[in-house]
Amino acid sequence: MYALLSFVLLVLVVAALVDIITRQDGQVKHLPKVVWVILVIFLPVIGSLLWFAIGREYSAPVARPQLGVPHRRQGPTANAQTSPAAQAARRVTSTEEQLASLDREIEFHAEQARIRRIEAELAERRRLAEGT
């Protein structure tokens, strides 16, 4: 009985770890993949059950090629017919890209403020030059 219970536990942990590792980052919910792996390793029963209960995103099953049936590659038209959700997912930028964009925006506004200061100074000089 103990051997059967140990075997089931081992299969559960291995299945959870394989599922975590093979999932894309967008399909992992609530915690990063590394944290899920650590949770399953250090708390095998609880971590595995939590992973299958709340950690993974359940979506429609992906069609897999059958044995003996050649896999047909889809052409570029398949990408043109993707859903808006899939297109939005591709537009997600990384944290580094967002930070770089914010840096560029800050530099732009700082340059605009510098231009406004210089224009105000030039207008003041013109006003003083006309007054003399």
N, C-alpha and C. Protein backbone atom coordinates (compact mmCIF):
# COMPACT_ATOMS: atom_id res chain seq x y z
N MET A 1 0.82 -1.20 0.00
CA MET A 1 0.00 0.00 0.00
C MET A 1 0.86 1.25 0.00
N TYR A 2 1.93 1.26 0.82
CA TYR A 2 2.82 2.42 0.87
C TYR A 2 3.54 2.60 -0.46
N ALA A 3 3.88 1.51 -1.10
CA ALA A 3 4.57 1.60 -2.39
C ALA A 3 3.65 2.22 -3.44
N LEU A 4 2.39 1.85 -3.44
CA LEU A 4 1.44 2.40 -4.39
C LEU A 4 1.24 3.90 -4.15
N LEU A 5 1.09 4.29 -2.89
CA LEU A 5 0.93 5.70 -2.54
C LEU A 5 2.17 6.50 -2.93
N SER A 6 3.36 5.96 -2.68
CA SER A 6 4.60 6.63 -3.06
C SER A 6 4.70 6.77 -4.58
N PHE A 7 4.30 5.73 -5.30
CA PHE A 7 4.34 5.78 -6.76
C PHE A 7 3.39 6.84 -7.30
N VAL A 8 2.18 6.92 -6.75
CA VAL A 8 1.21 7.93 -7.18
C VAL A 8 1.73 9.33 -6.89
N LEU A 9 2.34 9.51 -5.72
CA LEU A 9 2.91 10.80 -5.37
C LEU A 9 4.04 11.18 -6.34
N LEU A 10 4.89 10.24 -6.66
CA LEU A 10 5.99 10.49 -7.58
C LEU A 10 5.47 10.86 -8.97
N VAL A 11 4.45 10.15 -9.44
CA VAL A 11 3.86 10.45 -10.75
C VAL A 11 3.23 11.84 -10.73
N LEU A 12 2.56 12.20 -9.64
CA LEU A 12 1.94 13.51 -9.52
C LEU A 12 2.98 14.61 -9.56
N VAL A 13 4.06 14.46 -8.83
CA VAL A 13 5.11 15.48 -8.79
C VAL A 13 5.79 15.60 -10.14
N VAL A 14 6.14 14.48 -10.75
CA VAL A 14 6.81 14.51 -12.05
C VAL A 14 5.89 15.13 -13.10
N ALA A 15 4.61 14.77 -13.08
CA ALA A 15 3.66 15.34 -14.04
C ALA A 15 3.54 16.85 -13.85
N ALA A 16 3.48 17.29 -12.59
CA ALA A 16 3.38 18.73 -12.32
C ALA A 16 4.64 19.45 -12.79
N LEU A 17 5.82 18.90 -12.50
CA LEU A 17 7.06 19.54 -12.92
C LEU A 17 7.18 19.61 -14.44
N VAL A 18 6.84 18.52 -15.11
CA VAL A 18 6.91 18.52 -16.57
C VAL A 18 5.92 19.52 -17.14
N ASP A 19 4.72 19.58 -16.58
CA ASP A 19 3.71 20.51 -17.05
C ASP A 19 4.15 21.96 -16.84
N ILE A 20 4.74 22.26 -15.69
CA ILE A 20 5.21 23.62 -15.42
C ILE A 20 6.31 24.01 -16.40
N ILE A 21 7.27 23.13 -16.59
CA ILE A 21 8.42 23.45 -17.42
C ILE A 21 8.03 23.61 -18.88
N THR A 22 7.09 22.80 -19.37
CA THR A 22 6.73 22.86 -20.78
C THR A 22 5.72 23.95 -21.11
N ARG A 23 5.11 24.56 -20.13
CA ARG A 23 4.15 25.64 -20.38
C ARG A 23 4.87 26.92 -20.74
N GLN A 24 4.22 27.73 -21.57
CA GLN A 24 4.74 29.06 -21.87
C GLN A 24 4.42 29.97 -20.69
N ASP A 25 5.18 31.07 -20.58
CA ASP A 25 4.99 31.97 -19.44
C ASP A 25 3.58 32.55 -19.39
N GLY A 26 2.95 32.75 -20.53
CA GLY A 26 1.61 33.30 -20.55
C GLY A 26 0.55 32.33 -20.06
N GLN A 27 0.88 31.06 -19.96
CA GLN A 27 -0.08 30.06 -19.51
C GLN A 27 0.07 29.74 -18.02
N VAL A 28 0.97 30.43 -17.34
CA VAL A 28 1.20 30.22 -15.91
C VAL A 28 0.54 31.36 -15.16
N LYS A 29 -0.29 31.02 -14.18
CA LYS A 29 -1.03 32.04 -13.45
C LYS A 29 -0.49 32.20 -12.02
N HIS A 30 -0.63 33.39 -11.50
CA HIS A 30 -0.41 33.75 -10.10
C HIS A 30 1.05 33.85 -9.67
N LEU A 31 1.93 32.98 -10.11
CA LEU A 31 3.33 33.00 -9.70
C LEU A 31 4.22 32.73 -10.92
N PRO A 32 5.48 33.16 -10.87
CA PRO A 32 6.40 32.80 -11.95
C PRO A 32 6.67 31.30 -11.97
N LYS A 33 7.10 30.80 -13.13
CA LYS A 33 7.34 29.37 -13.27
C LYS A 33 8.36 28.86 -12.26
N VAL A 34 9.40 29.63 -12.01
CA VAL A 34 10.45 29.19 -11.08
C VAL A 34 9.88 28.97 -9.69
N VAL A 35 8.99 29.85 -9.27
CA VAL A 35 8.39 29.73 -7.94
C VAL A 35 7.50 28.48 -7.89
N TRP A 36 6.78 28.21 -8.97
CA TRP A 36 5.97 27.00 -9.00
C TRP A 36 6.84 25.75 -8.91
N VAL A 37 7.96 25.73 -9.63
CA VAL A 37 8.86 24.58 -9.57
C VAL A 37 9.37 24.38 -8.14
N ILE A 38 9.80 25.45 -7.51
CA ILE A 38 10.31 25.36 -6.13
C ILE A 38 9.20 24.88 -5.19
N LEU A 39 7.99 25.40 -5.39
CA LEU A 39 6.87 24.99 -4.55
C LEU A 39 6.57 23.50 -4.69
N VAL A 40 6.61 23.00 -5.92
CA VAL A 40 6.33 21.58 -6.14
C VAL A 40 7.46 20.71 -5.58
N ILE A 41 8.69 21.19 -5.66
CA ILE A 41 9.82 20.41 -5.15
C ILE A 41 9.81 20.35 -3.62
N PHE A 42 9.57 21.48 -2.97
CA PHE A 42 9.65 21.51 -1.52
C PHE A 42 8.35 21.08 -0.82
N LEU A 43 7.22 21.28 -1.46
CA LEU A 43 5.94 20.84 -0.91
C LEU A 43 5.25 19.99 -1.99
N PRO A 44 5.68 18.75 -2.17
CA PRO A 44 5.25 17.98 -3.34
C PRO A 44 3.74 17.81 -3.48
N VAL A 45 3.07 17.39 -2.44
CA VAL A 45 1.63 17.13 -2.55
C VAL A 45 0.87 18.44 -2.70
N ILE A 46 1.10 19.36 -1.78
CA ILE A 46 0.38 20.64 -1.81
C ILE A 46 0.74 21.43 -3.07
N GLY A 47 2.03 21.49 -3.40
CA GLY A 47 2.46 22.24 -4.58
C GLY A 47 1.87 21.70 -5.86
N SER A 48 1.88 20.37 -6.00
CA SER A 48 1.33 19.75 -7.21
C SER A 48 -0.17 19.99 -7.32
N LEU A 49 -0.88 19.81 -6.22
CA LEU A 49 -2.33 20.03 -6.24
C LEU A 49 -2.66 21.49 -6.52
N LEU A 50 -1.91 22.41 -5.90
CA LEU A 50 -2.13 23.83 -6.17
C LEU A 50 -1.85 24.16 -7.63
N TRP A 51 -0.78 23.57 -8.19
CA TRP A 51 -0.45 23.83 -9.58
C TRP A 51 -1.61 23.43 -10.50
N PHE A 52 -2.11 22.21 -10.32
CA PHE A 52 -3.18 21.76 -11.19
C PHE A 52 -4.51 22.46 -10.89
N ALA A 53 -4.68 22.96 -9.67
CA ALA A 53 -5.94 23.62 -9.31
C ALA A 53 -5.96 25.08 -9.75
N ILE A 54 -4.89 25.85 -9.46
CA ILE A 54 -4.93 27.29 -9.73
C ILE A 54 -3.75 27.82 -10.53
N GLY A 55 -2.71 27.04 -10.71
CA GLY A 55 -1.49 27.58 -11.31
C GLY A 55 -1.43 27.58 -12.81
N ARG A 56 -2.17 26.72 -13.45
CA ARG A 56 -2.06 26.63 -14.90
C ARG A 56 -3.32 27.15 -15.55
N GLU A 57 -3.15 27.61 -16.77
CA GLU A 57 -4.29 28.09 -17.53
C GLU A 57 -4.80 26.96 -18.39
N TYR A 58 -6.05 26.62 -18.19
CA TYR A 58 -6.65 25.57 -18.99
C TYR A 58 -7.24 26.20 -20.24
N SER A 59 -6.82 25.73 -21.39
CA SER A 59 -7.33 26.26 -22.65
C SER A 59 -7.77 25.09 -23.52
N ALA A 60 -8.24 25.42 -24.68
CA ALA A 60 -8.69 24.38 -25.61
C ALA A 60 -7.50 23.50 -25.96
N PRO A 61 -7.72 22.19 -26.05
CA PRO A 61 -6.60 21.30 -26.37
C PRO A 61 -6.05 21.60 -27.76
N VAL A 62 -4.75 21.50 -27.87
CA VAL A 62 -4.07 21.75 -29.13
C VAL A 62 -4.10 20.47 -29.94
N ALA A 63 -4.45 20.59 -31.21
CA ALA A 63 -4.49 19.41 -32.07
C ALA A 63 -3.07 18.92 -32.31
N ARG A 64 -2.86 17.66 -32.00
CA ARG A 64 -1.53 17.07 -32.18
C ARG A 64 -1.57 16.11 -33.35
N PRO A 65 -0.49 16.04 -34.13
CA PRO A 65 -0.49 15.12 -35.26
C PRO A 65 -0.56 13.67 -34.79
N GLN A 66 -1.30 12.86 -35.51
CA GLN A 66 -1.42 11.45 -35.17
C GLN A 66 -0.27 10.68 -35.78
N LEU A 67 0.02 9.53 -35.20
CA LEU A 67 1.08 8.70 -35.74
C LEU A 67 0.70 8.21 -37.13
N GLY A 68 1.65 8.26 -38.04
CA GLY A 68 1.42 7.80 -39.40
C GLY A 68 0.79 8.84 -40.29
N VAL A 69 0.31 9.94 -39.72
CA VAL A 69 -0.30 11.00 -40.52
C VAL A 69 0.71 12.14 -40.60
N PRO A 70 1.14 12.51 -41.81
CA PRO A 70 2.13 13.58 -41.91
C PRO A 70 1.56 14.90 -41.40
N HIS A 71 2.40 15.65 -40.72
CA HIS A 71 2.01 16.95 -40.19
C HIS A 71 2.01 17.96 -41.32
N ARG A 72 0.89 18.64 -41.51
CA ARG A 72 0.79 19.63 -42.57
C ARG A 72 1.12 21.00 -42.00
N ARG A 73 2.10 21.63 -42.57
CA ARG A 73 2.53 22.94 -42.11
C ARG A 73 1.58 24.00 -42.64
N GLN A 74 1.22 24.93 -41.76
CA GLN A 74 0.31 25.99 -42.17
C GLN A 74 1.10 27.14 -42.75
N GLY A 75 0.55 27.77 -43.77
CA GLY A 75 1.22 28.87 -44.44
C GLY A 75 1.02 30.18 -43.72
N PRO A 76 1.47 31.27 -44.35
CA PRO A 76 1.37 32.58 -43.73
C PRO A 76 -0.06 33.06 -43.56
N THR A 77 -1.01 32.47 -44.30
CA THR A 77 -2.40 32.91 -44.15
C THR A 77 -2.97 32.51 -42.80
N ALA A 78 -2.39 31.51 -42.16
CA ALA A 78 -2.89 31.09 -40.85
C ALA A 78 -2.66 32.19 -39.82
N ASN A 79 -1.56 32.92 -39.93
CA ASN A 79 -1.28 34.00 -38.98
C ASN A 79 -2.21 35.18 -39.18
N ALA A 80 -2.68 35.39 -40.40
CA ALA A 80 -3.55 36.53 -40.67
C ALA A 80 -4.93 36.32 -40.07
N GLN A 81 -5.30 35.08 -39.75
CA GLN A 81 -6.63 34.80 -39.26
C GLN A 81 -6.65 34.54 -37.75
N THR A 82 -5.70 35.05 -37.03
CA THR A 82 -5.67 34.83 -35.59
C THR A 82 -6.68 35.73 -34.90
N SER A 83 -7.06 35.34 -33.71
CA SER A 83 -8.05 36.09 -32.95
C SER A 83 -7.44 37.38 -32.41
N PRO A 84 -8.27 38.35 -32.06
CA PRO A 84 -7.75 39.59 -31.47
C PRO A 84 -6.99 39.34 -30.17
N ALA A 85 -7.41 38.33 -29.40
CA ALA A 85 -6.71 38.02 -28.15
C ALA A 85 -5.29 37.55 -28.43
N ALA A 86 -5.13 36.73 -29.48
CA ALA A 86 -3.80 36.25 -29.83
C ALA A 86 -2.93 37.39 -30.34
N GLN A 87 -3.53 38.31 -31.10
CA GLN A 87 -2.77 39.45 -31.59
C GLN A 87 -2.35 40.35 -30.43
N ALA A 88 -3.23 40.54 -29.44
CA ALA A 88 -2.89 41.37 -28.28
C ALA A 88 -1.78 40.72 -27.47
N ALA A 89 -1.79 39.39 -27.38
CA ALA A 89 -0.75 38.69 -26.63
C ALA A 89 0.61 38.89 -27.28
N ARG A 90 0.64 38.98 -28.62
CA ARG A 90 1.91 39.18 -29.30
C ARG A 90 2.43 40.60 -29.11
N ARG A 91 1.52 41.55 -28.83
CA ARG A 91 1.92 42.94 -28.65
C ARG A 91 2.45 43.24 -27.25
N VAL A 92 2.39 42.28 -26.35
CA VAL A 92 2.87 42.48 -24.98
C VAL A 92 4.37 42.71 -25.03
N THR A 93 4.82 43.76 -24.36
CA THR A 93 6.24 44.07 -24.36
C THR A 93 6.87 43.62 -23.06
N SER A 94 8.15 43.40 -23.11
CA SER A 94 8.86 42.98 -21.92
C SER A 94 9.07 44.18 -21.00
N THR A 95 9.46 43.91 -19.79
CA THR A 95 9.71 44.97 -18.82
C THR A 95 10.82 45.88 -19.30
N GLU A 96 11.88 45.31 -19.89
CA GLU A 96 12.98 46.12 -20.38
C GLU A 96 12.52 47.06 -21.49
N GLU A 97 11.66 46.57 -22.38
CA GLU A 97 11.14 47.41 -23.46
C GLU A 97 10.28 48.53 -22.90
N GLN A 98 9.48 48.23 -21.89
CA GLN A 98 8.66 49.26 -21.27
C GLN A 98 9.52 50.31 -20.59
N LEU A 99 10.57 49.87 -19.89
CA LEU A 99 11.47 50.83 -19.23
C LEU A 99 12.18 51.70 -20.25
N ALA A 100 12.63 51.11 -21.35
CA ALA A 100 13.29 51.89 -22.40
C ALA A 100 12.33 52.91 -22.99
N SER A 101 11.08 52.52 -23.18
CA SER A 101 10.08 53.44 -23.70
C SER A 101 9.84 54.59 -22.72
N LEU A 102 9.77 54.28 -21.44
CA LEU A 102 9.59 55.33 -20.44
C LEU A 102 10.80 56.27 -20.39
N ASP A 103 12.00 55.72 -20.53
CA ASP A 103 13.20 56.56 -20.56
C ASP A 103 13.16 57.52 -21.75
N ARG A 104 12.76 57.00 -22.92
CA ARG A 104 12.64 57.87 -24.10
C ARG A 104 11.60 58.95 -23.88
N GLU A 105 10.49 58.60 -23.24
CA GLU A 105 9.44 59.58 -22.98
C GLU A 105 9.93 60.66 -22.00
N ILE A 106 10.66 60.25 -20.98
CA ILE A 106 11.21 61.22 -20.01
C ILE A 106 12.19 62.15 -20.71
N GLU A 107 13.06 61.59 -21.55
CA GLU A 107 14.02 62.42 -22.29
C GLU A 107 13.29 63.40 -23.21
N PHE A 108 12.22 62.93 -23.86
CA PHE A 108 11.46 63.80 -24.75
C PHE A 108 10.87 64.98 -23.98
N HIS A 109 10.24 64.71 -22.83
CA HIS A 109 9.63 65.78 -22.05
C HIS A 109 10.68 66.72 -21.46
N ALA A 110 11.82 66.18 -21.07
CA ALA A 110 12.91 67.04 -20.57
C ALA A 110 13.41 67.96 -21.68
N GLU A 111 13.53 67.43 -22.89
CA GLU A 111 13.96 68.25 -24.04
C GLU A 111 12.92 69.31 -24.36
N GLN A 112 11.64 68.97 -24.28
CA GLN A 112 10.58 69.95 -24.53
C GLN A 112 10.62 71.06 -23.48
N ALA A 113 10.87 70.71 -22.22
CA ALA A 113 10.96 71.71 -21.16
C ALA A 113 12.17 72.62 -21.41
N ARG A 114 13.29 72.05 -21.84
CA ARG A 114 14.49 72.85 -22.15
C ARG A 114 14.20 73.81 -23.30
N ILE A 115 13.50 73.34 -24.32
CA ILE A 115 13.15 74.20 -25.46
C ILE A 115 12.25 75.34 -25.01
N ARG A 116 11.27 75.06 -24.15
CA ARG A 116 10.39 76.11 -23.65
C ARG A 116 11.17 77.14 -22.83
N ARG A 117 12.14 76.70 -22.01
CA ARG A 117 12.97 77.63 -21.24
C ARG A 117 13.79 78.53 -22.17
N ILE A 118 14.38 77.93 -23.20
CA ILE A 118 15.20 78.70 -24.13
C ILE A 118 14.33 79.70 -24.90
N GLU A 119 13.13 79.29 -25.32
CA GLU A 119 12.22 80.20 -26.02
C GLU A 119 11.79 81.35 -25.11
N ALA A 120 11.53 81.06 -23.84
CA ALA A 120 11.16 82.11 -22.89
C ALA A 120 12.33 83.07 -22.68
N GLU A 121 13.53 82.55 -22.59
CA GLU A 121 14.72 83.39 -22.42
C GLU A 121 14.94 84.25 -23.66
N LEU A 122 14.75 83.68 -24.84
CA LEU A 122 14.89 84.43 -26.09
C LEU A 122 13.85 85.53 -26.19
N ALA A 123 12.61 85.23 -25.80
CA ALA A 123 11.57 86.25 -25.82
C ALA A 123 11.89 87.38 -24.84
N GLU A 124 12.44 87.02 -23.69
CA GLU A 124 12.83 88.05 -22.70
C GLU A 124 13.94 88.92 -23.25
N ARG A 125 14.93 88.31 -23.92
CA ARG A 125 16.05 89.09 -24.50
C ARG A 125 15.54 90.02 -25.60
N ARG A 126 14.60 89.51 -26.42
CA ARG A 126 14.05 90.37 -27.48
C ARG A 126 13.29 91.54 -26.87
N ARG A 127 12.52 91.26 -25.82
CA ARG A 127 11.77 92.34 -25.17
C ARG A 127 12.71 93.37 -24.59
N LEU A 128 13.82 92.94 -23.98
CA LEU A 128 14.81 93.87 -23.42
C LEU A 128 15.53 94.65 -24.52
N ALA A 129 15.80 93.98 -25.65
CA ALA A 129 16.50 94.65 -26.76
C ALA A 129 15.60 95.69 -27.42
N GLU A 130 14.30 95.45 -27.49
CA GLU A 130 13.38 96.41 -28.06
C GLU A 130 13.18 97.59 -27.14
N GLY A 131 13.33 97.40 -25.86
CA GLY A 131 13.10 98.45 -24.88
C GLY A 131 14.28 99.44 -24.82
N THR A 132 15.43 99.09 -25.30
CA THR A 132 16.58 100.01 -25.23
C THR A 132 16.74 100.85 -26.43
